[in-house]
N, C-alpha and C. Protein backbone atom coordinates (compact mmCIF):
# COMPACT_ATOMS: atom_id res chain seq x y z
N MET A 1 46.81 40.40 4.58
CA MET A 1 46.48 39.13 3.94
C MET A 1 46.70 39.28 2.43
N ASN A 2 47.48 38.35 1.80
CA ASN A 2 47.72 38.48 0.36
C ASN A 2 46.49 38.06 -0.43
N THR A 3 46.55 38.28 -1.72
CA THR A 3 45.37 38.04 -2.57
C THR A 3 44.95 36.59 -2.56
N MET A 4 45.96 35.66 -2.59
CA MET A 4 45.63 34.23 -2.63
C MET A 4 44.92 33.80 -1.34
N LYS A 5 45.43 34.21 -0.17
CA LYS A 5 44.80 33.84 1.11
C LYS A 5 43.39 34.42 1.20
N LEU A 6 43.22 35.65 0.72
CA LEU A 6 41.90 36.27 0.76
C LEU A 6 40.92 35.50 -0.10
N PHE A 7 41.40 35.04 -1.27
CA PHE A 7 40.54 34.28 -2.19
C PHE A 7 40.10 32.96 -1.56
N VAL A 8 41.06 32.25 -0.93
CA VAL A 8 40.76 30.97 -0.30
C VAL A 8 39.79 31.14 0.86
N THR A 9 40.06 32.15 1.69
CA THR A 9 39.20 32.41 2.85
C THR A 9 37.77 32.72 2.43
N CYS A 10 37.64 33.56 1.42
CA CYS A 10 36.30 33.92 0.94
C CYS A 10 35.60 32.72 0.33
N GLY A 11 36.40 31.87 -0.34
CA GLY A 11 35.82 30.67 -0.96
C GLY A 11 35.27 29.72 0.07
N ILE A 12 36.03 29.51 1.15
CA ILE A 12 35.57 28.62 2.23
C ILE A 12 34.31 29.18 2.87
N ALA A 13 34.30 30.47 3.13
CA ALA A 13 33.13 31.10 3.76
C ALA A 13 31.90 30.96 2.87
N ALA A 14 32.12 31.15 1.56
CA ALA A 14 30.99 31.03 0.63
C ALA A 14 30.46 29.62 0.60
N ALA A 15 31.39 28.64 0.62
CA ALA A 15 30.98 27.24 0.58
C ALA A 15 30.18 26.87 1.82
N LEU A 16 30.63 27.34 2.98
CA LEU A 16 29.91 27.07 4.23
C LEU A 16 28.52 27.68 4.20
N THR A 17 28.45 28.90 3.67
CA THR A 17 27.16 29.58 3.60
C THR A 17 26.19 28.83 2.71
N VAL A 18 26.72 28.37 1.55
CA VAL A 18 25.88 27.62 0.62
C VAL A 18 25.43 26.30 1.25
N GLY A 19 26.37 25.64 1.98
CA GLY A 19 26.06 24.37 2.64
C GLY A 19 24.95 24.52 3.64
N ILE A 20 25.02 25.59 4.44
CA ILE A 20 24.00 25.84 5.45
C ILE A 20 22.67 26.17 4.76
N ALA A 21 22.77 26.94 3.67
CA ALA A 21 21.55 27.33 2.96
C ALA A 21 20.84 26.13 2.40
N TYR A 22 21.63 25.13 1.89
CA TYR A 22 21.01 23.94 1.35
C TYR A 22 20.53 22.99 2.43
N ALA A 23 21.28 22.89 3.54
CA ALA A 23 20.93 21.96 4.62
C ALA A 23 19.60 22.34 5.26
N ALA A 24 19.42 23.64 5.48
CA ALA A 24 18.20 24.08 6.14
C ALA A 24 16.94 23.74 5.34
N PRO A 25 16.92 24.03 4.01
CA PRO A 25 15.73 23.65 3.25
C PRO A 25 15.49 22.16 3.24
N MET A 26 16.56 21.35 3.19
CA MET A 26 16.40 19.89 3.18
C MET A 26 15.76 19.42 4.47
N GLN A 27 16.24 19.97 5.60
CA GLN A 27 15.66 19.59 6.89
C GLN A 27 14.22 20.04 7.00
N ASP A 28 13.96 21.27 6.53
CA ASP A 28 12.60 21.79 6.56
C ASP A 28 11.69 20.95 5.68
N SER A 29 12.24 20.50 4.53
CA SER A 29 11.46 19.69 3.60
C SER A 29 11.04 18.37 4.23
N LYS A 30 11.96 17.75 4.98
CA LYS A 30 11.65 16.50 5.66
C LYS A 30 10.55 16.70 6.70
N LYS A 31 10.66 17.82 7.44
CA LYS A 31 9.66 18.11 8.46
C LYS A 31 8.29 18.33 7.82
N GLU A 32 8.31 19.08 6.69
CA GLU A 32 7.05 19.35 6.00
C GLU A 32 6.43 18.08 5.45
N SER A 33 7.30 17.18 4.92
CA SER A 33 6.81 15.92 4.38
C SER A 33 6.14 15.09 5.46
N LYS A 34 6.76 15.08 6.66
CA LYS A 34 6.19 14.33 7.77
C LYS A 34 4.85 14.94 8.20
N LYS A 35 4.79 16.27 8.20
CA LYS A 35 3.55 16.94 8.58
C LYS A 35 2.45 16.62 7.57
N GLU A 36 2.82 16.65 6.28
CA GLU A 36 1.84 16.36 5.24
C GLU A 36 1.33 14.93 5.35
N ALA A 37 2.26 13.99 5.64
CA ALA A 37 1.88 12.59 5.80
C ALA A 37 0.92 12.43 6.98
N ALA A 38 1.21 13.18 8.05
CA ALA A 38 0.34 13.12 9.24
C ALA A 38 -1.04 13.67 8.92
N LYS A 39 -1.09 14.74 8.12
CA LYS A 39 -2.38 15.32 7.74
C LYS A 39 -3.19 14.34 6.90
N GLU A 40 -2.50 13.70 5.95
CA GLU A 40 -3.19 12.74 5.08
C GLU A 40 -3.71 11.56 5.89
N MET A 41 -2.89 11.06 6.83
CA MET A 41 -3.29 9.94 7.66
C MET A 41 -4.47 10.33 8.54
N ALA A 42 -4.45 11.58 9.03
CA ALA A 42 -5.53 12.05 9.91
C ALA A 42 -6.87 12.10 9.18
N LYS A 43 -6.82 12.29 7.86
CA LYS A 43 -8.05 12.34 7.07
C LYS A 43 -8.70 10.96 6.98
N GLU A 44 -7.86 9.93 7.06
CA GLU A 44 -8.36 8.58 6.91
C GLU A 44 -8.69 7.98 8.27
N VAL A 45 -9.91 7.58 8.45
CA VAL A 45 -10.32 6.92 9.68
C VAL A 45 -10.94 5.58 9.30
N ALA A 46 -10.42 4.52 9.88
CA ALA A 46 -10.87 3.19 9.52
C ALA A 46 -12.35 3.00 9.82
N MET A 47 -13.07 2.48 8.84
CA MET A 47 -14.49 2.17 8.99
C MET A 47 -14.77 0.84 8.32
N VAL A 48 -15.46 -0.02 9.01
CA VAL A 48 -15.84 -1.30 8.42
C VAL A 48 -16.68 -1.04 7.17
N GLY A 49 -16.34 -1.73 6.10
CA GLY A 49 -17.04 -1.54 4.84
C GLY A 49 -16.35 -0.56 3.91
N LYS A 50 -15.31 0.12 4.42
CA LYS A 50 -14.55 1.08 3.62
C LYS A 50 -13.12 0.58 3.45
N ALA A 51 -12.41 1.19 2.51
CA ALA A 51 -11.01 0.83 2.28
C ALA A 51 -10.19 1.08 3.54
N ALA A 52 -9.36 0.14 3.92
CA ALA A 52 -8.52 0.29 5.11
C ALA A 52 -7.47 1.37 4.86
N PRO A 53 -7.22 2.25 5.83
CA PRO A 53 -6.20 3.28 5.66
C PRO A 53 -4.82 2.68 5.35
N ALA A 54 -4.18 3.24 4.33
CA ALA A 54 -2.83 2.78 3.96
C ALA A 54 -1.82 3.24 5.02
N PHE A 55 -0.74 2.50 5.15
CA PHE A 55 0.31 2.92 6.08
C PHE A 55 1.62 2.22 5.74
N THR A 56 2.70 2.82 6.22
CA THR A 56 4.03 2.21 6.15
C THR A 56 4.66 2.42 7.52
N LEU A 57 5.15 1.34 8.12
CA LEU A 57 5.81 1.41 9.42
C LEU A 57 7.12 0.64 9.37
N LYS A 58 8.00 0.94 10.29
CA LYS A 58 9.23 0.16 10.44
C LYS A 58 8.93 -1.07 11.28
N ASP A 59 9.52 -2.20 10.91
CA ASP A 59 9.39 -3.36 11.78
C ASP A 59 10.47 -3.30 12.85
N SER A 60 10.53 -4.29 13.71
CA SER A 60 11.46 -4.25 14.85
C SER A 60 12.92 -4.28 14.43
N ALA A 61 13.18 -4.61 13.15
CA ALA A 61 14.55 -4.62 12.64
C ALA A 61 14.86 -3.37 11.81
N GLY A 62 13.87 -2.46 11.74
CA GLY A 62 14.10 -1.21 11.02
C GLY A 62 13.73 -1.25 9.54
N LYS A 63 13.08 -2.33 9.09
CA LYS A 63 12.69 -2.46 7.69
C LYS A 63 11.29 -1.89 7.47
N ASP A 64 11.11 -1.18 6.37
CA ASP A 64 9.80 -0.62 6.04
C ASP A 64 8.82 -1.73 5.65
N VAL A 65 7.63 -1.69 6.23
CA VAL A 65 6.57 -2.63 5.88
C VAL A 65 5.31 -1.81 5.61
N SER A 66 4.72 -2.01 4.43
CA SER A 66 3.53 -1.27 4.04
C SER A 66 2.34 -2.20 3.91
N LEU A 67 1.17 -1.68 4.18
CA LEU A 67 -0.04 -2.47 3.96
C LEU A 67 -0.13 -2.86 2.49
N ALA A 68 0.33 -1.98 1.61
CA ALA A 68 0.30 -2.24 0.16
C ALA A 68 1.15 -3.45 -0.24
N ASP A 69 2.10 -3.83 0.61
CA ASP A 69 2.94 -5.00 0.31
C ASP A 69 2.12 -6.28 0.23
N PHE A 70 0.93 -6.24 0.82
CA PHE A 70 0.11 -7.45 0.93
C PHE A 70 -1.15 -7.36 0.05
N LYS A 71 -1.05 -6.56 -1.00
CA LYS A 71 -2.17 -6.40 -1.91
C LYS A 71 -2.64 -7.75 -2.44
N GLY A 72 -3.94 -7.99 -2.41
CA GLY A 72 -4.50 -9.25 -2.89
C GLY A 72 -4.60 -10.32 -1.83
N LYS A 73 -4.08 -10.03 -0.62
CA LYS A 73 -4.14 -10.99 0.48
C LYS A 73 -5.12 -10.51 1.54
N VAL A 74 -5.62 -11.45 2.33
CA VAL A 74 -6.36 -11.08 3.54
C VAL A 74 -5.30 -10.68 4.57
N VAL A 75 -5.52 -9.56 5.24
CA VAL A 75 -4.55 -9.06 6.22
C VAL A 75 -5.22 -8.90 7.58
N VAL A 76 -4.56 -9.39 8.60
CA VAL A 76 -5.04 -9.23 9.98
C VAL A 76 -4.08 -8.31 10.72
N LEU A 77 -4.61 -7.27 11.33
CA LEU A 77 -3.82 -6.38 12.18
C LEU A 77 -4.20 -6.65 13.62
N GLU A 78 -3.19 -6.76 14.47
CA GLU A 78 -3.48 -6.87 15.90
C GLU A 78 -2.58 -5.91 16.66
N TRP A 79 -3.21 -5.04 17.45
CA TRP A 79 -2.42 -4.13 18.29
C TRP A 79 -1.91 -4.90 19.50
N MET A 80 -0.63 -4.71 19.78
CA MET A 80 0.00 -5.47 20.86
C MET A 80 0.87 -4.56 21.72
N ASN A 81 1.18 -5.04 22.91
CA ASN A 81 2.04 -4.32 23.85
C ASN A 81 2.65 -5.34 24.80
N PRO A 82 3.97 -5.54 24.74
CA PRO A 82 4.63 -6.51 25.61
C PRO A 82 4.40 -6.27 27.10
N GLY A 83 4.02 -5.05 27.46
CA GLY A 83 3.80 -4.73 28.87
C GLY A 83 2.37 -4.92 29.34
N CYS A 84 1.47 -5.32 28.45
CA CYS A 84 0.06 -5.48 28.82
C CYS A 84 -0.24 -6.91 29.26
N PRO A 85 -0.77 -7.10 30.48
CA PRO A 85 -1.04 -8.46 30.96
C PRO A 85 -2.09 -9.20 30.13
N VAL A 86 -3.07 -8.48 29.59
CA VAL A 86 -4.09 -9.14 28.77
C VAL A 86 -3.47 -9.61 27.46
N CYS A 87 -2.65 -8.77 26.88
CA CYS A 87 -1.95 -9.13 25.64
C CYS A 87 -1.02 -10.32 25.89
N ARG A 88 -0.31 -10.28 27.00
CA ARG A 88 0.60 -11.39 27.34
C ARG A 88 -0.17 -12.69 27.53
N GLU A 89 -1.31 -12.60 28.20
CA GLU A 89 -2.12 -13.80 28.44
C GLU A 89 -2.52 -14.45 27.12
N LYS A 90 -3.00 -13.62 26.16
CA LYS A 90 -3.44 -14.15 24.88
C LYS A 90 -2.28 -14.72 24.07
N MET A 91 -1.10 -14.15 24.27
CA MET A 91 0.08 -14.67 23.59
C MET A 91 0.55 -15.96 24.25
N GLU A 92 0.66 -15.93 25.57
CA GLU A 92 1.29 -17.04 26.29
C GLU A 92 0.41 -18.27 26.42
N ASP A 93 -0.93 -18.09 26.37
CA ASP A 93 -1.79 -19.27 26.48
C ASP A 93 -2.05 -19.94 25.12
N GLY A 94 -1.42 -19.39 24.09
CA GLY A 94 -1.54 -20.00 22.76
C GLY A 94 -2.70 -19.50 21.93
N SER A 95 -3.49 -18.56 22.47
CA SER A 95 -4.66 -18.07 21.73
C SER A 95 -4.27 -17.43 20.40
N VAL A 96 -3.20 -16.65 20.41
CA VAL A 96 -2.79 -15.95 19.19
C VAL A 96 -2.23 -16.92 18.16
N SER A 97 -1.36 -17.82 18.58
CA SER A 97 -0.80 -18.78 17.63
C SER A 97 -1.88 -19.70 17.07
N LYS A 98 -2.88 -20.05 17.89
CA LYS A 98 -3.99 -20.88 17.41
C LYS A 98 -4.84 -20.09 16.40
N MET A 99 -5.08 -18.82 16.70
CA MET A 99 -5.81 -17.97 15.77
C MET A 99 -5.12 -17.93 14.42
N MET A 100 -3.81 -17.80 14.44
CA MET A 100 -3.05 -17.74 13.20
C MET A 100 -3.11 -19.06 12.45
N ALA A 101 -2.95 -20.16 13.17
CA ALA A 101 -2.98 -21.48 12.55
C ALA A 101 -4.35 -21.79 11.96
N ASP A 102 -5.40 -21.48 12.72
CA ASP A 102 -6.77 -21.73 12.25
C ASP A 102 -7.09 -20.87 11.03
N SER A 103 -6.61 -19.62 11.05
CA SER A 103 -6.86 -18.71 9.93
C SER A 103 -6.16 -19.20 8.66
N LYS A 104 -4.92 -19.65 8.82
CA LYS A 104 -4.16 -20.11 7.65
C LYS A 104 -4.68 -21.45 7.13
N ALA A 105 -5.33 -22.21 7.99
CA ALA A 105 -5.95 -23.45 7.53
C ALA A 105 -7.13 -23.15 6.61
N ILE A 106 -7.77 -22.00 6.84
CA ILE A 106 -8.90 -21.56 6.01
C ILE A 106 -8.40 -20.87 4.74
N THR A 107 -7.46 -19.95 4.93
CA THR A 107 -6.90 -19.16 3.83
C THR A 107 -5.38 -19.11 4.01
N PRO A 108 -4.64 -19.98 3.33
CA PRO A 108 -3.19 -20.05 3.53
C PRO A 108 -2.46 -18.73 3.26
N ASP A 109 -3.05 -17.88 2.42
CA ASP A 109 -2.38 -16.65 2.02
C ASP A 109 -2.70 -15.46 2.93
N VAL A 110 -3.15 -15.71 4.15
CA VAL A 110 -3.46 -14.61 5.06
C VAL A 110 -2.17 -14.09 5.70
N ALA A 111 -2.09 -12.77 5.88
CA ALA A 111 -0.91 -12.14 6.49
C ALA A 111 -1.28 -11.51 7.82
N PHE A 112 -0.41 -11.68 8.81
CA PHE A 112 -0.63 -11.10 10.14
C PHE A 112 0.42 -10.03 10.41
N LEU A 113 -0.04 -8.88 10.90
CA LEU A 113 0.85 -7.79 11.27
C LEU A 113 0.50 -7.35 12.69
N PHE A 114 1.50 -7.28 13.55
CA PHE A 114 1.28 -6.87 14.94
C PHE A 114 1.86 -5.47 15.12
N ILE A 115 1.04 -4.56 15.63
CA ILE A 115 1.41 -3.15 15.71
C ILE A 115 1.50 -2.69 17.16
N ASN A 116 2.59 -2.02 17.48
CA ASN A 116 2.78 -1.48 18.82
C ASN A 116 2.72 0.05 18.75
N SER A 117 1.64 0.61 19.29
CA SER A 117 1.48 2.07 19.34
C SER A 117 1.66 2.62 20.75
N THR A 118 1.99 1.75 21.70
CA THR A 118 2.17 2.18 23.09
C THR A 118 3.54 2.84 23.23
N ALA A 119 3.54 4.14 23.53
CA ALA A 119 4.77 4.94 23.51
C ALA A 119 5.88 4.35 24.37
N ALA A 120 5.56 3.87 25.56
CA ALA A 120 6.58 3.39 26.50
C ALA A 120 7.34 2.18 25.99
N THR A 121 6.72 1.34 25.18
CA THR A 121 7.41 0.16 24.67
C THR A 121 7.78 0.29 23.19
N ALA A 122 7.12 1.19 22.47
CA ALA A 122 7.44 1.37 21.05
C ALA A 122 8.83 1.97 20.86
N ASN A 123 9.34 2.65 21.91
CA ASN A 123 10.67 3.24 21.76
C ASN A 123 11.79 2.22 21.94
N LYS A 124 11.41 0.95 22.16
CA LYS A 124 12.39 -0.15 22.23
C LYS A 124 11.93 -1.22 21.24
N PRO A 125 12.07 -0.94 19.94
CA PRO A 125 11.49 -1.82 18.91
C PRO A 125 11.95 -3.26 18.97
N ALA A 126 13.20 -3.50 19.32
CA ALA A 126 13.70 -4.88 19.35
C ALA A 126 12.91 -5.74 20.32
N GLU A 127 12.46 -5.14 21.43
CA GLU A 127 11.71 -5.89 22.44
C GLU A 127 10.39 -6.42 21.89
N SER A 128 9.77 -5.64 20.99
CA SER A 128 8.51 -6.08 20.40
C SER A 128 8.73 -7.31 19.52
N GLY A 129 9.80 -7.29 18.74
CA GLY A 129 10.13 -8.43 17.91
C GLY A 129 10.47 -9.65 18.73
N GLU A 130 11.24 -9.47 19.79
CA GLU A 130 11.62 -10.58 20.67
C GLU A 130 10.40 -11.16 21.37
N TYR A 131 9.48 -10.29 21.74
CA TYR A 131 8.25 -10.70 22.42
C TYR A 131 7.45 -11.67 21.55
N LEU A 132 7.31 -11.35 20.27
CA LEU A 132 6.59 -12.24 19.36
C LEU A 132 7.36 -13.55 19.18
N ALA A 133 8.66 -13.46 18.99
CA ALA A 133 9.47 -14.66 18.77
C ALA A 133 9.43 -15.59 19.97
N GLN A 134 9.47 -15.03 21.16
CA GLN A 134 9.42 -15.83 22.38
C GLN A 134 8.12 -16.62 22.49
N ASN A 135 7.06 -16.06 21.92
CA ASN A 135 5.76 -16.72 21.96
C ASN A 135 5.45 -17.48 20.67
N LYS A 136 6.51 -17.71 19.88
CA LYS A 136 6.40 -18.49 18.63
C LYS A 136 5.38 -17.90 17.66
N VAL A 137 5.32 -16.57 17.64
CA VAL A 137 4.46 -15.87 16.70
C VAL A 137 5.34 -15.34 15.58
N MET A 138 5.27 -15.99 14.42
CA MET A 138 6.12 -15.63 13.30
C MET A 138 5.42 -14.60 12.42
N ALA A 139 5.56 -13.36 12.80
CA ALA A 139 4.94 -12.25 12.07
C ALA A 139 5.69 -10.97 12.44
N PRO A 140 5.61 -9.96 11.58
CA PRO A 140 6.32 -8.71 11.86
C PRO A 140 5.72 -7.95 13.05
N ALA A 141 6.61 -7.35 13.85
CA ALA A 141 6.19 -6.41 14.90
C ALA A 141 6.45 -5.02 14.34
N LEU A 142 5.41 -4.26 14.11
CA LEU A 142 5.54 -2.94 13.51
C LEU A 142 5.46 -1.86 14.58
N ILE A 143 6.32 -0.86 14.44
CA ILE A 143 6.46 0.16 15.48
C ILE A 143 5.79 1.46 15.06
N ASP A 144 4.79 1.86 15.83
CA ASP A 144 3.99 3.05 15.55
C ASP A 144 4.20 4.06 16.67
N GLY A 145 5.45 4.49 16.85
CA GLY A 145 5.79 5.33 17.99
C GLY A 145 5.05 6.64 18.06
N ASP A 146 4.73 7.24 16.90
CA ASP A 146 4.02 8.52 16.93
C ASP A 146 2.51 8.34 16.98
N GLY A 147 2.06 7.09 16.91
CA GLY A 147 0.63 6.80 17.06
C GLY A 147 -0.24 7.15 15.86
N MET A 148 0.37 7.52 14.74
CA MET A 148 -0.43 7.93 13.58
C MET A 148 -1.33 6.81 13.07
N VAL A 149 -0.77 5.60 12.98
CA VAL A 149 -1.54 4.47 12.46
C VAL A 149 -2.59 4.03 13.48
N GLY A 150 -2.20 4.01 14.74
CA GLY A 150 -3.14 3.65 15.79
C GLY A 150 -4.35 4.54 15.80
N HIS A 151 -4.13 5.85 15.64
CA HIS A 151 -5.25 6.79 15.62
C HIS A 151 -6.08 6.62 14.35
N ALA A 152 -5.42 6.34 13.23
CA ALA A 152 -6.15 6.15 11.98
C ALA A 152 -7.10 4.97 12.07
N TYR A 153 -6.69 3.95 12.83
CA TYR A 153 -7.54 2.76 12.99
C TYR A 153 -8.37 2.81 14.28
N ALA A 154 -8.22 3.90 15.04
CA ALA A 154 -8.93 4.04 16.31
C ALA A 154 -8.66 2.85 17.23
N ALA A 155 -7.41 2.41 17.25
CA ALA A 155 -7.01 1.29 18.11
C ALA A 155 -7.07 1.73 19.57
N LYS A 156 -7.85 1.01 20.36
CA LYS A 156 -8.08 1.42 21.75
C LYS A 156 -7.43 0.51 22.77
N THR A 157 -7.29 -0.77 22.45
CA THR A 157 -6.81 -1.72 23.45
C THR A 157 -5.76 -2.66 22.85
N THR A 158 -5.07 -3.34 23.76
CA THR A 158 -4.18 -4.43 23.33
C THR A 158 -4.68 -5.70 24.04
N PRO A 159 -5.20 -6.66 23.23
CA PRO A 159 -5.25 -6.63 21.77
C PRO A 159 -6.47 -5.87 21.23
N HIS A 160 -6.35 -5.41 19.99
CA HIS A 160 -7.46 -4.85 19.22
C HIS A 160 -7.22 -5.35 17.80
N CYS A 161 -8.19 -6.04 17.23
CA CYS A 161 -7.96 -6.75 15.96
C CYS A 161 -8.77 -6.19 14.80
N TYR A 162 -8.20 -6.30 13.62
CA TYR A 162 -8.84 -5.83 12.39
C TYR A 162 -8.58 -6.86 11.29
N VAL A 163 -9.60 -7.09 10.46
CA VAL A 163 -9.45 -7.99 9.31
C VAL A 163 -9.74 -7.20 8.04
N ILE A 164 -8.81 -7.25 7.11
CA ILE A 164 -8.92 -6.54 5.83
C ILE A 164 -8.99 -7.59 4.73
N ASP A 165 -10.00 -7.50 3.87
CA ASP A 165 -10.15 -8.53 2.85
C ASP A 165 -9.16 -8.34 1.70
N SER A 166 -9.19 -9.24 0.72
CA SER A 166 -8.21 -9.23 -0.36
C SER A 166 -8.35 -8.02 -1.28
N LYS A 167 -9.46 -7.30 -1.16
CA LYS A 167 -9.67 -6.09 -1.95
C LYS A 167 -9.25 -4.83 -1.19
N GLY A 168 -8.76 -5.02 0.04
CA GLY A 168 -8.32 -3.88 0.84
C GLY A 168 -9.41 -3.24 1.66
N VAL A 169 -10.55 -3.92 1.79
CA VAL A 169 -11.68 -3.37 2.55
C VAL A 169 -11.67 -3.92 3.98
N LEU A 170 -11.86 -3.04 4.94
CA LEU A 170 -11.93 -3.46 6.34
C LEU A 170 -13.27 -4.17 6.58
N VAL A 171 -13.21 -5.42 7.02
CA VAL A 171 -14.45 -6.19 7.21
C VAL A 171 -14.73 -6.55 8.67
N TYR A 172 -13.73 -6.38 9.52
CA TYR A 172 -13.96 -6.65 10.95
C TYR A 172 -13.06 -5.75 11.78
N ALA A 173 -13.60 -5.28 12.90
CA ALA A 173 -12.84 -4.49 13.87
C ALA A 173 -13.37 -4.77 15.27
N GLY A 174 -12.48 -5.12 16.19
CA GLY A 174 -12.93 -5.33 17.57
C GLY A 174 -12.07 -6.29 18.37
N ALA A 175 -12.73 -7.02 19.24
CA ALA A 175 -12.04 -7.93 20.16
C ALA A 175 -11.47 -9.14 19.44
N ILE A 176 -10.49 -9.77 20.06
CA ILE A 176 -9.91 -10.99 19.50
C ILE A 176 -10.89 -12.17 19.63
N ASP A 177 -11.66 -12.20 20.74
CA ASP A 177 -12.61 -13.30 20.94
C ASP A 177 -13.74 -12.85 21.87
N ASP A 178 -14.65 -13.79 22.16
CA ASP A 178 -15.82 -13.43 22.98
C ASP A 178 -15.60 -13.67 24.47
N GLN A 179 -14.38 -14.01 24.87
CA GLN A 179 -13.99 -14.19 26.27
C GLN A 179 -14.71 -15.34 26.97
N ALA A 180 -15.26 -16.27 26.21
CA ALA A 180 -15.92 -17.42 26.83
C ALA A 180 -14.90 -18.25 27.59
N ASP A 181 -15.32 -18.84 28.73
CA ASP A 181 -14.41 -19.65 29.54
C ASP A 181 -13.95 -20.90 28.80
N LYS A 182 -14.85 -21.50 28.05
CA LYS A 182 -14.51 -22.71 27.30
C LYS A 182 -14.78 -22.48 25.82
N ASN A 183 -13.82 -22.89 25.01
CA ASN A 183 -13.93 -22.75 23.55
C ASN A 183 -14.39 -21.36 23.11
N PRO A 184 -13.63 -20.34 23.46
CA PRO A 184 -14.02 -18.99 23.05
C PRO A 184 -14.10 -18.85 21.54
N LYS A 185 -15.04 -18.05 21.09
CA LYS A 185 -15.19 -17.80 19.66
C LYS A 185 -14.19 -16.74 19.25
N ASN A 186 -13.30 -17.10 18.33
CA ASN A 186 -12.32 -16.13 17.85
C ASN A 186 -12.94 -15.36 16.69
N TYR A 187 -13.08 -14.05 16.87
CA TYR A 187 -13.75 -13.23 15.87
C TYR A 187 -12.94 -13.07 14.58
N VAL A 188 -11.63 -13.14 14.69
CA VAL A 188 -10.78 -13.05 13.50
C VAL A 188 -10.98 -14.28 12.62
N VAL A 189 -10.91 -15.46 13.23
CA VAL A 189 -11.12 -16.71 12.49
C VAL A 189 -12.52 -16.73 11.89
N ASN A 190 -13.50 -16.27 12.67
CA ASN A 190 -14.88 -16.20 12.20
C ASN A 190 -14.99 -15.32 10.94
N ALA A 191 -14.30 -14.18 10.94
CA ALA A 191 -14.34 -13.27 9.80
C ALA A 191 -13.68 -13.90 8.57
N ILE A 192 -12.57 -14.57 8.78
CA ILE A 192 -11.85 -15.18 7.66
C ILE A 192 -12.65 -16.34 7.07
N GLN A 193 -13.34 -17.08 7.91
CA GLN A 193 -14.19 -18.17 7.42
C GLN A 193 -15.34 -17.60 6.58
N ALA A 194 -15.92 -16.49 7.04
CA ALA A 194 -17.01 -15.86 6.30
C ALA A 194 -16.53 -15.39 4.93
N LEU A 195 -15.34 -14.81 4.88
CA LEU A 195 -14.78 -14.37 3.60
C LEU A 195 -14.59 -15.57 2.66
N LYS A 196 -14.07 -16.65 3.21
CA LYS A 196 -13.86 -17.87 2.43
C LYS A 196 -15.17 -18.40 1.87
N ASP A 197 -16.23 -18.31 2.67
CA ASP A 197 -17.54 -18.83 2.27
C ASP A 197 -18.33 -17.85 1.41
N GLY A 198 -17.78 -16.65 1.20
CA GLY A 198 -18.49 -15.65 0.42
C GLY A 198 -19.66 -15.03 1.14
N LYS A 199 -19.62 -15.02 2.47
CA LYS A 199 -20.70 -14.48 3.28
C LYS A 199 -20.29 -13.15 3.91
N ASP A 200 -21.29 -12.41 4.38
CA ASP A 200 -21.00 -11.18 5.13
C ASP A 200 -20.41 -11.57 6.48
N VAL A 201 -19.45 -10.77 6.93
CA VAL A 201 -18.84 -11.02 8.23
C VAL A 201 -19.81 -10.58 9.32
N SER A 202 -20.11 -11.48 10.24
CA SER A 202 -21.02 -11.17 11.34
C SER A 202 -20.55 -11.88 12.61
N PRO A 203 -20.28 -11.13 13.68
CA PRO A 203 -20.38 -9.68 13.77
C PRO A 203 -19.22 -8.99 13.04
N ALA A 204 -19.49 -7.81 12.50
CA ALA A 204 -18.46 -7.05 11.80
C ALA A 204 -17.71 -6.14 12.76
N THR A 205 -18.34 -5.83 13.89
CA THR A 205 -17.68 -5.03 14.92
C THR A 205 -18.04 -5.60 16.29
N THR A 206 -17.10 -5.54 17.20
CA THR A 206 -17.33 -5.91 18.60
C THR A 206 -16.55 -4.93 19.47
N LYS A 207 -16.86 -4.93 20.75
CA LYS A 207 -16.14 -4.04 21.67
C LYS A 207 -14.82 -4.69 22.06
N PRO A 208 -13.69 -4.03 21.78
CA PRO A 208 -12.39 -4.61 22.15
C PRO A 208 -12.18 -4.57 23.65
N TYR A 209 -11.36 -5.45 24.16
CA TYR A 209 -11.03 -5.45 25.59
C TYR A 209 -9.53 -5.62 25.75
N GLY A 210 -9.03 -5.25 26.91
CA GLY A 210 -7.60 -5.34 27.19
C GLY A 210 -7.09 -4.06 27.81
N CYS A 211 -5.77 -3.87 27.81
CA CYS A 211 -5.18 -2.63 28.33
C CYS A 211 -5.39 -1.54 27.28
N SER A 212 -5.62 -0.33 27.75
CA SER A 212 -5.78 0.78 26.80
C SER A 212 -4.44 1.09 26.14
N VAL A 213 -4.51 1.46 24.86
CA VAL A 213 -3.30 1.87 24.15
C VAL A 213 -2.89 3.22 24.70
N LYS A 214 -1.70 3.29 25.28
CA LYS A 214 -1.23 4.54 25.88
C LYS A 214 -0.34 5.26 24.88
N TYR A 215 -0.98 6.14 24.11
CA TYR A 215 -0.25 6.91 23.11
C TYR A 215 0.66 7.91 23.79
N GLY A 216 1.64 8.39 23.02
CA GLY A 216 2.57 9.39 23.54
C GLY A 216 1.86 10.67 23.90
N LYS A 217 2.48 11.47 24.74
CA LYS A 217 1.88 12.71 25.19
C LYS A 217 1.59 13.61 24.01
N GLY A 218 0.36 14.09 23.96
CA GLY A 218 -0.04 14.98 22.89
C GLY A 218 -0.39 14.27 21.61
N LYS A 219 -0.34 12.90 21.64
CA LYS A 219 -0.65 12.13 20.43
C LYS A 219 -2.12 11.80 20.38
């Protein structure tokens, strides 16, 4: 091999070695960042009367949506699952759209976010968005495939609802309504009305009902 070929060959080998050396730390850095984020999220557990845990999730179109995006607004979180019959019933009978309309009539600047932490359906994000659109629910469907946000909020069922006031404090956690046969009391609307009136939210917690959130294995 002449001197020029040897120089080129060694140069290519060196470049590949450097490329691999840089790629590995970058990949490791991403993994470490994700682990650190998971640790930080695990430290935060939602409690009524305390600041709601911060989060950022992808919506069904792949866009990042953060709780911080809605700073200064009342925010309602509802855990959903297109495969849950209880969740479907509340969507299809108009309960959810009525809840949203009634809430916005009280406080026009309220934001609704629907979160899917159920592993079997979270891996098909477009379906979650289509599910809301089919039921005329105009709000983001957020995908929590690893269950980090669901665990931070201790979300147990679909639906499971949370109301966060304009200061970022969690003021309600529990069921969507009292399950009355006629004119059920919607706890989310009740909480938003209390905030509007400057009163304490009562009840501030209720027992959620519906299908259990089926987190991914080991989650």
